[in-house]
Amino acid sequence: MTRKRCVVGKISVAGTLPWLSGCSRAPSFNILGSFFPAWLFCIVLGITLAALSYWVFVRLRIEKEVKPSIVVYPCLAAFFAFTLWLILFR
């Protein structure tokens, strides 16, 4: 019971963090054409979404069909990071 409550608490905290950022655009600094910390946020979230997609593939038992996995998952992380960048910061 306590473990479930702890997991629910962590999920609720993680779910509310994006809403705490406010309504204005995130402050980012243009350093040689890269905008920090926006890119860092997108890369971390892209890697997280790629790991989540791996978990979904394992649950659906299609993970063995995804080949070569050493190429697919980094490409998924890059895809999620670039898509988040375009949606949130452009």
Protein backbone atom coordinates (compact mmCIF):
# COMPACT_ATOMS: atom_id res chain seq x y z
CA MET A 1 0.00 0.00 0.00
CA THR A 2 2.79 2.42 0.92
CA ARG A 3 4.74 1.52 -2.22
CA LYS A 4 1.70 2.19 -4.42
CA ARG A 5 1.16 5.51 -2.69
CA CYS A 6 4.80 6.43 -3.27
CA VAL A 7 4.57 5.54 -6.96
CA VAL A 8 1.34 7.52 -7.35
CA GLY A 9 2.99 10.48 -5.62
CA LYS A 10 6.00 10.37 -7.95
CA ILE A 11 3.78 10.14 -11.02
CA SER A 12 1.63 13.03 -9.87
CA VAL A 13 4.69 15.20 -9.17
CA ALA A 14 6.16 14.33 -12.58
CA GLY A 15 2.82 15.09 -14.23
CA THR A 16 2.53 18.53 -12.66
CA LEU A 17 6.07 19.70 -13.40
CA PRO A 18 5.35 20.77 -17.00
CA TRP A 19 2.45 22.90 -15.81
CA LEU A 20 4.62 24.76 -13.30
CA SER A 21 6.75 26.31 -16.01
CA GLY A 22 4.32 29.17 -16.54
CA CYS A 23 2.65 30.57 -19.58
CA SER A 24 5.58 32.42 -21.08
CA ARG A 25 8.25 30.93 -23.29
CA ALA A 26 11.17 29.27 -21.60
CA PRO A 27 14.23 31.46 -21.30
CA SER A 28 16.83 30.24 -23.73
CA PHE A 29 20.13 31.66 -24.80
CA ASN A 30 21.49 31.54 -28.30
CA ILE A 31 25.03 30.19 -28.11
CA LEU A 32 26.53 29.61 -31.57
CA GLY A 33 23.12 28.78 -33.00
CA SER A 34 22.05 26.41 -30.23
CA PHE A 35 19.47 27.45 -27.73
CA PHE A 36 20.26 26.42 -24.16
CA PRO A 37 18.66 24.96 -22.02
CA ALA A 38 15.85 24.21 -24.50
CA TRP A 39 17.93 21.61 -26.36
CA LEU A 40 18.93 19.90 -23.15
CA PHE A 41 15.29 19.63 -22.11
CA CYS A 42 14.34 18.18 -25.52
CA ILE A 43 17.22 15.67 -25.50
CA VAL A 44 16.39 14.40 -22.00
CA LEU A 45 12.71 14.10 -22.84
CA GLY A 46 13.54 12.41 -26.18
CA ILE A 47 15.67 9.79 -24.46
CA THR A 48 12.93 9.25 -21.89
CA LEU A 49 10.33 8.77 -24.63
CA ALA A 50 12.62 6.34 -26.47
CA ALA A 51 12.98 4.30 -23.27
CA LEU A 52 9.22 4.42 -22.83
CA SER A 53 8.75 3.18 -26.41
CA TYR A 54 11.16 0.30 -25.67
CA TRP A 55 9.01 -0.58 -22.65
CA VAL A 56 5.87 -0.50 -24.82
CA PHE A 57 7.54 -2.72 -27.44
CA VAL A 58 8.51 -5.22 -24.73
CA ARG A 59 4.96 -5.21 -23.34
CA LEU A 60 3.55 -5.83 -26.82
CA ARG A 61 6.23 -8.49 -27.44
CA ILE A 62 7.40 -6.91 -30.67
CA GLU A 63 10.77 -5.81 -29.35
CA LYS A 64 12.56 -8.66 -31.15
CA GLU A 65 11.11 -7.46 -34.46
CA VAL A 66 12.80 -4.07 -34.09
CA LYS A 67 16.17 -4.55 -35.75
CA PRO A 68 18.88 -3.29 -35.51
CA SER A 69 17.98 -2.03 -32.09
CA ILE A 70 21.31 -0.23 -31.62
CA VAL A 71 20.28 2.07 -34.49
CA VAL A 72 16.51 2.24 -33.97
CA TYR A 73 16.41 3.48 -30.37
CA PRO A 74 18.92 6.34 -30.79
CA CYS A 75 17.00 7.35 -33.92
CA LEU A 76 13.76 7.28 -31.93
CA ALA A 77 15.38 9.46 -29.25
CA ALA A 78 16.54 11.93 -31.91
CA PHE A 79 13.12 11.90 -33.55
CA PHE A 80 11.38 12.66 -30.25
CA ALA A 81 13.93 15.37 -29.36
CA PHE A 82 13.63 17.13 -32.73
CA THR A 83 9.86 16.88 -32.73
CA LEU A 84 9.63 18.31 -29.21
CA TRP A 85 11.97 21.11 -30.24
CA LEU A 86 9.77 22.00 -33.20
CA ILE A 87 6.53 21.79 -31.19
CA LEU A 88 7.64 23.60 -28.04
CA PHE A 89 10.28 26.11 -29.08
CA ARG A 90 9.70 27.05 -32.72
